[in-house]
Amino acid sequence: IYNDASLMWKGVSYAHGKDKLGQPIIWSGSCLHHQKDQS
């Protein structure tokens, strides 16, 4: 709740699913990140 709202709502990084080894997959889409959007 104290994280920057733009980071949370855009889903800049999130976990969903697992790979063939059973490791959680972290999806991080760089096109959603802009340095000026948050400190």
ModelCIF file with pLDDT and N, C-alpha, C, O atoms, coordinates in Angstrom:
data_MODEL
#
_entry.id   MODEL 
#
_entity.id                         1 
_entity.type                       polymer 
_entity.pdbx_number_of_molecules   1 
#
_entity_poly.entity_id                      1 
_entity_poly.type                           'polypeptide(L)' 
_entity_poly.nstd_linkage                   no 
_entity_poly.nstd_monomer                   no 
_entity_poly.pdbx_seq_one_letter_code       IYNDASLMWKGVSYAHGKDKLGQPIIWSGSCLHHQKDQS 
_entity_poly.pdbx_seq_one_letter_code_can   IYNDASLMWKGVSYAHGKDKLGQPIIWSGSCLHHQKDQS 
_entity_poly.pdbx_strand_id                 A 
#
loop_
_entity_poly_seq.entity_id 
_entity_poly_seq.num 
_entity_poly_seq.mon_id 
_entity_poly_seq.hetero 
1 1  ILE n 
1 2  TYR n 
1 3  ASN n 
1 4  ASP n 
1 5  ALA n 
1 6  SER n 
1 7  LEU n 
1 8  MET n 
1 9  TRP n 
1 10 LYS n 
1 11 GLY n 
1 12 VAL n 
1 13 SER n 
1 14 TYR n 
1 15 ALA n 
1 16 HIS n 
1 17 GLY n 
1 18 LYS n 
1 19 ASP n 
1 20 LYS n 
1 21 LEU n 
1 22 GLY n 
1 23 GLN n 
1 24 PRO n 
1 25 ILE n 
1 26 ILE n 
1 27 TRP n 
1 28 SER n 
1 29 GLY n 
1 30 SER n 
1 31 CYS n 
1 32 LEU n 
1 33 HIS n 
1 34 HIS n 
1 35 GLN n 
1 36 LYS n 
1 37 ASP n 
1 38 GLN n 
1 39 SER n 
#
_struct_asym.id          A 
_struct_asym.entity_id   1 
#
loop_
_ma_qa_metric.id 
_ma_qa_metric.mode 
_ma_qa_metric.name 
_ma_qa_metric.software_group_id 
_ma_qa_metric.type 
1 global pLDDT . pLDDT 
2 local  pLDDT . pLDDT 
#
_ma_qa_metric_global.metric_id      1 
_ma_qa_metric_global.metric_value   91.67 
_ma_qa_metric_global.model_id       1 
_ma_qa_metric_global.ordinal_id     1 
#
loop_
_ma_qa_metric_local.label_asym_id 
_ma_qa_metric_local.label_comp_id 
_ma_qa_metric_local.label_seq_id 
_ma_qa_metric_local.metric_id 
_ma_qa_metric_local.metric_value 
_ma_qa_metric_local.model_id 
_ma_qa_metric_local.ordinal_id 
A ILE 1  2 91.00 1 1  
A TYR 2  2 92.00 1 2  
A ASN 3  2 93.00 1 3  
A ASP 4  2 91.00 1 4  
A ALA 5  2 89.00 1 5  
A SER 6  2 87.00 1 6  
A LEU 7  2 89.00 1 7  
A MET 8  2 92.00 1 8  
A TRP 9  2 92.00 1 9  
A LYS 10 2 91.00 1 10 
A GLY 11 2 92.00 1 11 
A VAL 12 2 91.00 1 12 
A SER 13 2 93.00 1 13 
A TYR 14 2 95.00 1 14 
A ALA 15 2 96.00 1 15 
A HIS 16 2 95.00 1 16 
A GLY 17 2 95.00 1 17 
A LYS 18 2 96.00 1 18 
A ASP 19 2 97.00 1 19 
A LYS 20 2 97.00 1 20 
A LEU 21 2 97.00 1 21 
A GLY 22 2 96.00 1 22 
A GLN 23 2 97.00 1 23 
A PRO 24 2 97.00 1 24 
A ILE 25 2 97.00 1 25 
A ILE 26 2 96.00 1 26 
A TRP 27 2 95.00 1 27 
A SER 28 2 93.00 1 28 
A GLY 29 2 90.00 1 29 
A SER 30 2 88.00 1 30 
A CYS 31 2 88.00 1 31 
A LEU 32 2 85.00 1 32 
A HIS 33 2 87.00 1 33 
A HIS 34 2 83.00 1 34 
A GLN 35 2 82.00 1 35 
A LYS 36 2 84.00 1 36 
A ASP 37 2 87.00 1 37 
A GLN 38 2 88.00 1 38 
A SER 39 2 91.00 1 39 
#
loop_
_atom_site.group_PDB 
_atom_site.id 
_atom_site.type_symbol 
_atom_site.label_atom_id 
_atom_site.label_alt_id 
_atom_site.label_comp_id 
_atom_site.label_asym_id 
_atom_site.label_entity_id 
_atom_site.label_seq_id 
_atom_site.pdbx_PDB_ins_code 
_atom_site.Cartn_x 
_atom_site.Cartn_y 
_atom_site.Cartn_z 
_atom_site.occupancy 
_atom_site.B_iso_or_equiv 
_atom_site.pdbx_formal_charge 
_atom_site.auth_seq_id 
_atom_site.auth_comp_id 
_atom_site.auth_asym_id 
_atom_site.auth_atom_id 
_atom_site.pdbx_PDB_model_num 
ATOM 1   N N  . ILE A 1 1  ? 0.817  -1.210  0.000   1.00 91.00 ? 1  ILE A N  1 
ATOM 2   C CA . ILE A 1 1  ? 0.000  0.000   0.000   1.00 91.00 ? 1  ILE A CA 1 
ATOM 3   C C  . ILE A 1 1  ? 0.853  1.264   0.000   1.00 91.00 ? 1  ILE A C  1 
ATOM 4   O O  . ILE A 1 1  ? 0.364  2.341   -0.343  1.00 91.00 ? 1  ILE A O  1 
ATOM 5   N N  . TYR A 1 2  ? 2.138  1.141   0.386   1.00 92.00 ? 2  TYR A N  1 
ATOM 6   C CA . TYR A 1 2  ? 3.039  2.292   0.367   1.00 92.00 ? 2  TYR A CA 1 
ATOM 7   C C  . TYR A 1 2  ? 3.912  2.320   -0.879  1.00 92.00 ? 2  TYR A C  1 
ATOM 8   O O  . TYR A 1 2  ? 4.743  3.215   -1.037  1.00 92.00 ? 2  TYR A O  1 
ATOM 9   N N  . ASN A 1 3  ? 3.729  1.359   -1.751  1.00 93.00 ? 3  ASN A N  1 
ATOM 10  C CA . ASN A 1 3  ? 4.473  1.376   -3.016  1.00 93.00 ? 3  ASN A CA 1 
ATOM 11  C C  . ASN A 1 3  ? 3.883  2.416   -3.956  1.00 93.00 ? 3  ASN A C  1 
ATOM 12  O O  . ASN A 1 3  ? 2.708  2.768   -3.851  1.00 93.00 ? 3  ASN A O  1 
ATOM 13  N N  . ASP A 1 4  ? 4.709  2.903   -4.873  1.00 91.00 ? 4  ASP A N  1 
ATOM 14  C CA . ASP A 1 4  ? 4.225  3.847   -5.876  1.00 91.00 ? 4  ASP A CA 1 
ATOM 15  C C  . ASP A 1 4  ? 3.090  3.211   -6.674  1.00 91.00 ? 4  ASP A C  1 
ATOM 16  O O  . ASP A 1 4  ? 3.225  2.101   -7.187  1.00 91.00 ? 4  ASP A O  1 
ATOM 17  N N  . ALA A 1 5  ? 1.972  3.928   -6.772  1.00 89.00 ? 5  ALA A N  1 
ATOM 18  C CA . ALA A 1 5  ? 0.778  3.362   -7.408  1.00 89.00 ? 5  ALA A CA 1 
ATOM 19  C C  . ALA A 1 5  ? 1.024  2.965   -8.851  1.00 89.00 ? 5  ALA A C  1 
ATOM 20  O O  . ALA A 1 5  ? 0.493  1.955   -9.313  1.00 89.00 ? 5  ALA A O  1 
ATOM 21  N N  . SER A 1 6  ? 1.821  3.745   -9.572  1.00 87.00 ? 6  SER A N  1 
ATOM 22  C CA . SER A 1 6  ? 2.037  3.425   -10.990 1.00 87.00 ? 6  SER A CA 1 
ATOM 23  C C  . SER A 1 6  ? 2.752  2.095   -11.149 1.00 87.00 ? 6  SER A C  1 
ATOM 24  O O  . SER A 1 6  ? 2.490  1.366   -12.105 1.00 87.00 ? 6  SER A O  1 
ATOM 25  N N  . LEU A 1 7  ? 3.652  1.766   -10.227 1.00 89.00 ? 7  LEU A N  1 
ATOM 26  C CA . LEU A 1 7  ? 4.365  0.489   -10.304 1.00 89.00 ? 7  LEU A CA 1 
ATOM 27  C C  . LEU A 1 7  ? 3.418  -0.679  -10.063 1.00 89.00 ? 7  LEU A C  1 
ATOM 28  O O  . LEU A 1 7  ? 3.515  -1.712  -10.725 1.00 89.00 ? 7  LEU A O  1 
ATOM 29  N N  . MET A 1 8  ? 2.499  -0.511  -9.109  1.00 92.00 ? 8  MET A N  1 
ATOM 30  C CA . MET A 1 8  ? 1.591  -1.591  -8.778  1.00 92.00 ? 8  MET A CA 1 
ATOM 31  C C  . MET A 1 8  ? 0.520  -1.781  -9.845  1.00 92.00 ? 8  MET A C  1 
ATOM 32  O O  . MET A 1 8  ? 0.251  -2.912  -10.252 1.00 92.00 ? 8  MET A O  1 
ATOM 33  N N  . TRP A 1 9  ? -0.082 -0.717  -10.296 1.00 92.00 ? 9  TRP A N  1 
ATOM 34  C CA . TRP A 1 9  ? -1.197 -0.839  -11.229 1.00 92.00 ? 9  TRP A CA 1 
ATOM 35  C C  . TRP A 1 9  ? -0.749 -1.281  -12.615 1.00 92.00 ? 9  TRP A C  1 
ATOM 36  O O  . TRP A 1 9  ? -1.471 -2.010  -13.295 1.00 92.00 ? 9  TRP A O  1 
ATOM 37  N N  . LYS A 1 10 ? 0.436  -0.850  -13.040 1.00 91.00 ? 10 LYS A N  1 
ATOM 38  C CA . LYS A 1 10 ? 0.927  -1.231  -14.367 1.00 91.00 ? 10 LYS A CA 1 
ATOM 39  C C  . LYS A 1 10 ? 1.416  -2.668  -14.412 1.00 91.00 ? 10 LYS A C  1 
ATOM 40  O O  . LYS A 1 10 ? 1.461  -3.280  -15.480 1.00 91.00 ? 10 LYS A O  1 
ATOM 41  N N  . GLY A 1 11 ? 1.781  -3.206  -13.259 1.00 92.00 ? 11 GLY A N  1 
ATOM 42  C CA . GLY A 1 11 ? 2.338  -4.556  -13.259 1.00 92.00 ? 11 GLY A CA 1 
ATOM 43  C C  . GLY A 1 11 ? 3.710  -4.585  -13.905 1.00 92.00 ? 11 GLY A C  1 
ATOM 44  O O  . GLY A 1 11 ? 4.003  -5.443  -14.737 1.00 92.00 ? 11 GLY A O  1 
ATOM 45  N N  . VAL A 1 12 ? 4.552  -3.629  -13.507 1.00 91.00 ? 12 VAL A N  1 
ATOM 46  C CA . VAL A 1 12 ? 5.902  -3.564  -14.068 1.00 91.00 ? 12 VAL A CA 1 
ATOM 47  C C  . VAL A 1 12 ? 6.629  -4.897  -13.866 1.00 91.00 ? 12 VAL A C  1 
ATOM 48  O O  . VAL A 1 12 ? 7.347  -5.367  -14.749 1.00 91.00 ? 12 VAL A O  1 
ATOM 49  N N  . SER A 1 13 ? 6.430  -5.489  -12.699 1.00 93.00 ? 13 SER A N  1 
ATOM 50  C CA . SER A 1 13 ? 6.953  -6.825  -12.405 1.00 93.00 ? 13 SER A CA 1 
ATOM 51  C C  . SER A 1 13 ? 5.905  -7.577  -11.591 1.00 93.00 ? 13 SER A C  1 
ATOM 52  O O  . SER A 1 13 ? 5.307  -7.017  -10.672 1.00 93.00 ? 13 SER A O  1 
ATOM 53  N N  . TYR A 1 14 ? 5.687  -8.822  -11.922 1.00 95.00 ? 14 TYR A N  1 
ATOM 54  C CA . TYR A 1 14 ? 4.753  -9.641  -11.161 1.00 95.00 ? 14 TYR A CA 1 
ATOM 55  C C  . TYR A 1 14 ? 5.100  -11.112 -11.340 1.00 95.00 ? 14 TYR A C  1 
ATOM 56  O O  . TYR A 1 14 ? 5.731  -11.505 -12.322 1.00 95.00 ? 14 TYR A O  1 
ATOM 57  N N  . ALA A 1 15 ? 4.677  -11.912 -10.376 1.00 96.00 ? 15 ALA A N  1 
ATOM 58  C CA . ALA A 1 15 ? 4.920  -13.354 -10.447 1.00 96.00 ? 15 ALA A CA 1 
ATOM 59  C C  . ALA A 1 15 ? 3.662  -14.059 -10.929 1.00 96.00 ? 15 ALA A C  1 
ATOM 60  O O  . ALA A 1 15 ? 2.555  -13.757 -10.484 1.00 96.00 ? 15 ALA A O  1 
ATOM 61  N N  . HIS A 1 16 ? 3.848  -15.002 -11.843 1.00 95.00 ? 16 HIS A N  1 
ATOM 62  C CA . HIS A 1 16 ? 2.718  -15.828 -12.262 1.00 95.00 ? 16 HIS A CA 1 
ATOM 63  C C  . HIS A 1 16 ? 3.220  -17.108 -12.921 1.00 95.00 ? 16 HIS A C  1 
ATOM 64  O O  . HIS A 1 16 ? 3.997  -17.071 -13.875 1.00 95.00 ? 16 HIS A O  1 
ATOM 65  N N  . GLY A 1 17 ? 2.761  -18.239 -12.394 1.00 95.00 ? 17 GLY A N  1 
ATOM 66  C CA . GLY A 1 17 ? 3.121  -19.536 -12.962 1.00 95.00 ? 17 GLY A CA 1 
ATOM 67  C C  . GLY A 1 17 ? 4.485  -20.019 -12.515 1.00 95.00 ? 17 GLY A C  1 
ATOM 68  O O  . GLY A 1 17 ? 5.146  -19.385 -11.693 1.00 95.00 ? 17 GLY A O  1 
ATOM 69  N N  . LYS A 1 18 ? 4.895  -21.144 -13.066 1.00 96.00 ? 18 LYS A N  1 
ATOM 70  C CA . LYS A 1 18 ? 6.184  -21.729 -12.715 1.00 96.00 ? 18 LYS A CA 1 
ATOM 71  C C  . LYS A 1 18 ? 6.827  -22.323 -13.953 1.00 96.00 ? 18 LYS A C  1 
ATOM 72  O O  . LYS A 1 18 ? 6.141  -22.701 -14.904 1.00 96.00 ? 18 LYS A O  1 
ATOM 73  N N  . ASP A 1 19 ? 8.152  -22.401 -13.934 1.00 97.00 ? 19 ASP A N  1 
ATOM 74  C CA . ASP A 1 19 ? 8.870  -22.968 -15.076 1.00 97.00 ? 19 ASP A CA 1 
ATOM 75  C C  . ASP A 1 19 ? 8.950  -24.490 -14.953 1.00 97.00 ? 19 ASP A C  1 
ATOM 76  O O  . ASP A 1 19 ? 8.339  -25.068 -14.054 1.00 97.00 ? 19 ASP A O  1 
ATOM 77  N N  . LYS A 1 20 ? 9.684  -25.132 -15.833 1.00 97.00 ? 20 LYS A N  1 
ATOM 78  C CA . LYS A 1 20 ? 9.746  -26.593 -15.852 1.00 97.00 ? 20 LYS A CA 1 
ATOM 79  C C  . LYS A 1 20 ? 10.434 -27.178 -14.620 1.00 97.00 ? 20 LYS A C  1 
ATOM 80  O O  . LYS A 1 20 ? 10.303 -28.369 -14.336 1.00 97.00 ? 20 LYS A O  1 
ATOM 81  N N  . LEU A 1 21 ? 11.167 -26.338 -13.892 1.00 97.00 ? 21 LEU A N  1 
ATOM 82  C CA . LEU A 1 21 ? 11.820 -26.782 -12.661 1.00 97.00 ? 21 LEU A CA 1 
ATOM 83  C C  . LEU A 1 21 ? 10.963 -26.504 -11.431 1.00 97.00 ? 21 LEU A C  1 
ATOM 84  O O  . LEU A 1 21 ? 11.348 -26.836 -10.309 1.00 97.00 ? 21 LEU A O  1 
ATOM 85  N N  . GLY A 1 22 ? 9.801  -25.892 -11.647 1.00 96.00 ? 22 GLY A N  1 
ATOM 86  C CA . GLY A 1 22 ? 8.929  -25.562 -10.537 1.00 96.00 ? 22 GLY A CA 1 
ATOM 87  C C  . GLY A 1 22 ? 9.214  -24.211 -9.915  1.00 96.00 ? 22 GLY A C  1 
ATOM 88  O O  . GLY A 1 22 ? 8.627  -23.864 -8.890  1.00 96.00 ? 22 GLY A O  1 
ATOM 89  N N  . GLN A 1 23 ? 10.109 -23.441 -10.521 1.00 97.00 ? 23 GLN A N  1 
ATOM 90  C CA . GLN A 1 23 ? 10.466 -22.126 -9.989  1.00 97.00 ? 23 GLN A CA 1 
ATOM 91  C C  . GLN A 1 23 ? 9.417  -21.087 -10.384 1.00 97.00 ? 23 GLN A C  1 
ATOM 92  O O  . GLN A 1 23 ? 8.982  -21.066 -11.536 1.00 97.00 ? 23 GLN A O  1 
ATOM 93  N N  . PRO A 1 24 ? 8.999  -20.218 -9.445  1.00 97.00 ? 24 PRO A N  1 
ATOM 94  C CA . PRO A 1 24 ? 8.043  -19.160 -9.801  1.00 97.00 ? 24 PRO A CA 1 
ATOM 95  C C  . PRO A 1 24 ? 8.601  -18.287 -10.927 1.00 97.00 ? 24 PRO A C  1 
ATOM 96  O O  . PRO A 1 24 ? 9.792  -17.974 -10.953 1.00 97.00 ? 24 PRO A O  1 
ATOM 97  N N  . ILE A 1 25 ? 7.732  -17.902 -11.849 1.00 97.00 ? 25 ILE A N  1 
ATOM 98  C CA . ILE A 1 25 ? 8.144  -17.050 -12.971 1.00 97.00 ? 25 ILE A CA 1 
ATOM 99  C C  . ILE A 1 25 ? 7.847  -15.600 -12.637 1.00 97.00 ? 25 ILE A C  1 
ATOM 100 O O  . ILE A 1 25 ? 6.723  -15.255 -12.272 1.00 97.00 ? 25 ILE A O  1 
ATOM 101 N N  . ILE A 1 26 ? 8.857  -14.755 -12.762 1.00 96.00 ? 26 ILE A N  1 
ATOM 102 C CA . ILE A 1 26 ? 8.698  -13.324 -12.551 1.00 96.00 ? 26 ILE A CA 1 
ATOM 103 C C  . ILE A 1 26 ? 8.727  -12.650 -13.918 1.00 96.00 ? 26 ILE A C  1 
ATOM 104 O O  . ILE A 1 26 ? 9.729  -12.701 -14.631 1.00 96.00 ? 26 ILE A O  1 
ATOM 105 N N  . TRP A 1 27 ? 7.615  -12.022 -14.265 1.00 95.00 ? 27 TRP A N  1 
ATOM 106 C CA . TRP A 1 27 ? 7.518  -11.318 -15.542 1.00 95.00 ? 27 TRP A CA 1 
ATOM 107 C C  . TRP A 1 27 ? 7.846  -9.846  -15.322 1.00 95.00 ? 27 TRP A C  1 
ATOM 108 O O  . TRP A 1 27 ? 7.204  -9.172  -14.516 1.00 95.00 ? 27 TRP A O  1 
ATOM 109 N N  . SER A 1 28 ? 8.832  -9.362  -16.033 1.00 93.00 ? 28 SER A N  1 
ATOM 110 C CA . SER A 1 28 ? 9.243  -7.965  -15.902 1.00 93.00 ? 28 SER A CA 1 
ATOM 111 C C  . SER A 1 28 ? 9.300  -7.334  -17.285 1.00 93.00 ? 28 SER A C  1 
ATOM 112 O O  . SER A 1 28 ? 10.234 -7.572  -18.051 1.00 93.00 ? 28 SER A O  1 
ATOM 113 N N  . GLY A 1 29 ? 8.287  -6.523  -17.599 1.00 90.00 ? 29 GLY A N  1 
ATOM 114 C CA . GLY A 1 29 ? 8.215  -5.885  -18.911 1.00 90.00 ? 29 GLY A CA 1 
ATOM 115 C C  . GLY A 1 29 ? 8.848  -4.510  -18.895 1.00 90.00 ? 29 GLY A C  1 
ATOM 116 O O  . GLY A 1 29 ? 8.304  -3.583  -18.296 1.00 90.00 ? 29 GLY A O  1 
ATOM 117 N N  . SER A 1 30 ? 9.982  -4.368  -19.541 1.00 88.00 ? 30 SER A N  1 
ATOM 118 C CA . SER A 1 30 ? 10.720 -3.104  -19.474 1.00 88.00 ? 30 SER A CA 1 
ATOM 119 C C  . SER A 1 30 ? 9.974  -1.945  -20.127 1.00 88.00 ? 30 SER A C  1 
ATOM 120 O O  . SER A 1 30 ? 10.175 -0.792  -19.746 1.00 88.00 ? 30 SER A O  1 
ATOM 121 N N  . CYS A 1 31 ? 9.107  -2.235  -21.114 1.00 88.00 ? 31 CYS A N  1 
ATOM 122 C CA . CYS A 1 31 ? 8.399  -1.153  -21.804 1.00 88.00 ? 31 CYS A CA 1 
ATOM 123 C C  . CYS A 1 31 ? 7.426  -0.422  -20.884 1.00 88.00 ? 31 CYS A C  1 
ATOM 124 O O  . CYS A 1 31 ? 6.980  0.681   -21.202 1.00 88.00 ? 31 CYS A O  1 
ATOM 125 N N  . LEU A 1 32 ? 7.094  -1.031  -19.745 1.00 85.00 ? 32 LEU A N  1 
ATOM 126 C CA . LEU A 1 32 ? 6.171  -0.405  -18.794 1.00 85.00 ? 32 LEU A CA 1 
ATOM 127 C C  . LEU A 1 32 ? 6.891  0.508   -17.812 1.00 85.00 ? 32 LEU A C  1 
ATOM 128 O O  . LEU A 1 32 ? 6.256  1.258   -17.071 1.00 85.00 ? 32 LEU A O  1 
ATOM 129 N N  . HIS A 1 33 ? 8.213  0.443   -17.809 1.00 87.00 ? 33 HIS A N  1 
ATOM 130 C CA . HIS A 1 33 ? 8.990  1.216   -16.831 1.00 87.00 ? 33 HIS A CA 1 
ATOM 131 C C  . HIS A 1 33 ? 9.533  2.504   -17.441 1.00 87.00 ? 33 HIS A C  1 
ATOM 132 O O  . HIS A 1 33 ? 10.158 2.495   -18.501 1.00 87.00 ? 33 HIS A O  1 
ATOM 133 N N  . HIS A 1 34 ? 9.280  3.603   -16.750 1.00 83.00 ? 34 HIS A N  1 
ATOM 134 C CA . HIS A 1 34 ? 9.843  4.894   -17.131 1.00 83.00 ? 34 HIS A CA 1 
ATOM 135 C C  . HIS A 1 34 ? 10.411 5.551   -15.875 1.00 83.00 ? 34 HIS A C  1 
ATOM 136 O O  . HIS A 1 34 ? 9.701  5.745   -14.888 1.00 83.00 ? 34 HIS A O  1 
ATOM 137 N N  . GLN A 1 35 ? 11.664 5.883   -15.923 1.00 82.00 ? 35 GLN A N  1 
ATOM 138 C CA . GLN A 1 35 ? 12.361 6.395   -14.744 1.00 82.00 ? 35 GLN A CA 1 
ATOM 139 C C  . GLN A 1 35 ? 11.674 7.620   -14.149 1.00 82.00 ? 35 GLN A C  1 
ATOM 140 O O  . GLN A 1 35 ? 11.672 7.797   -12.931 1.00 82.00 ? 35 GLN A O  1 
ATOM 141 N N  . LYS A 1 36 ? 11.098 8.458   -14.986 1.00 84.00 ? 36 LYS A N  1 
ATOM 142 C CA . LYS A 1 36 ? 10.485 9.703   -14.517 1.00 84.00 ? 36 LYS A CA 1 
ATOM 143 C C  . LYS A 1 36 ? 9.152  9.474   -13.790 1.00 84.00 ? 36 LYS A C  1 
ATOM 144 O O  . LYS A 1 36 ? 8.637  10.384  -13.140 1.00 84.00 ? 36 LYS A O  1 
ATOM 145 N N  . ASP A 1 37 ? 8.604  8.278   -13.899 1.00 87.00 ? 37 ASP A N  1 
ATOM 146 C CA . ASP A 1 37 ? 7.282  8.025   -13.302 1.00 87.00 ? 37 ASP A CA 1 
ATOM 147 C C  . ASP A 1 37 ? 7.317  7.912   -11.783 1.00 87.00 ? 37 ASP A C  1 
ATOM 148 O O  . ASP A 1 37 ? 6.283  8.063   -11.133 1.00 87.00 ? 37 ASP A O  1 
ATOM 149 N N  . GLN A 1 38 ? 8.497  7.647   -11.203 1.00 88.00 ? 38 GLN A N  1 
ATOM 150 C CA . GLN A 1 38 ? 8.595  7.523   -9.751  1.00 88.00 ? 38 GLN A CA 1 
ATOM 151 C C  . GLN A 1 38 ? 10.008 7.883   -9.318  1.00 88.00 ? 38 GLN A C  1 
ATOM 152 O O  . GLN A 1 38 ? 10.947 7.841   -10.113 1.00 88.00 ? 38 GLN A O  1 
ATOM 153 N N  . SER A 1 39 ? 10.141 8.233   -8.060  1.00 91.00 ? 39 SER A N  1 
ATOM 154 C CA . SER A 1 39 ? 11.458 8.594   -7.531  1.00 91.00 ? 39 SER A CA 1 
ATOM 155 C C  . SER A 1 39 ? 12.304 7.341   -7.328  1.00 91.00 ? 39 SER A C  1 
ATOM 156 O O  . SER A 1 39 ? 13.449 7.434   -6.888  1.00 91.00 ? 39 SER A O  1 
#
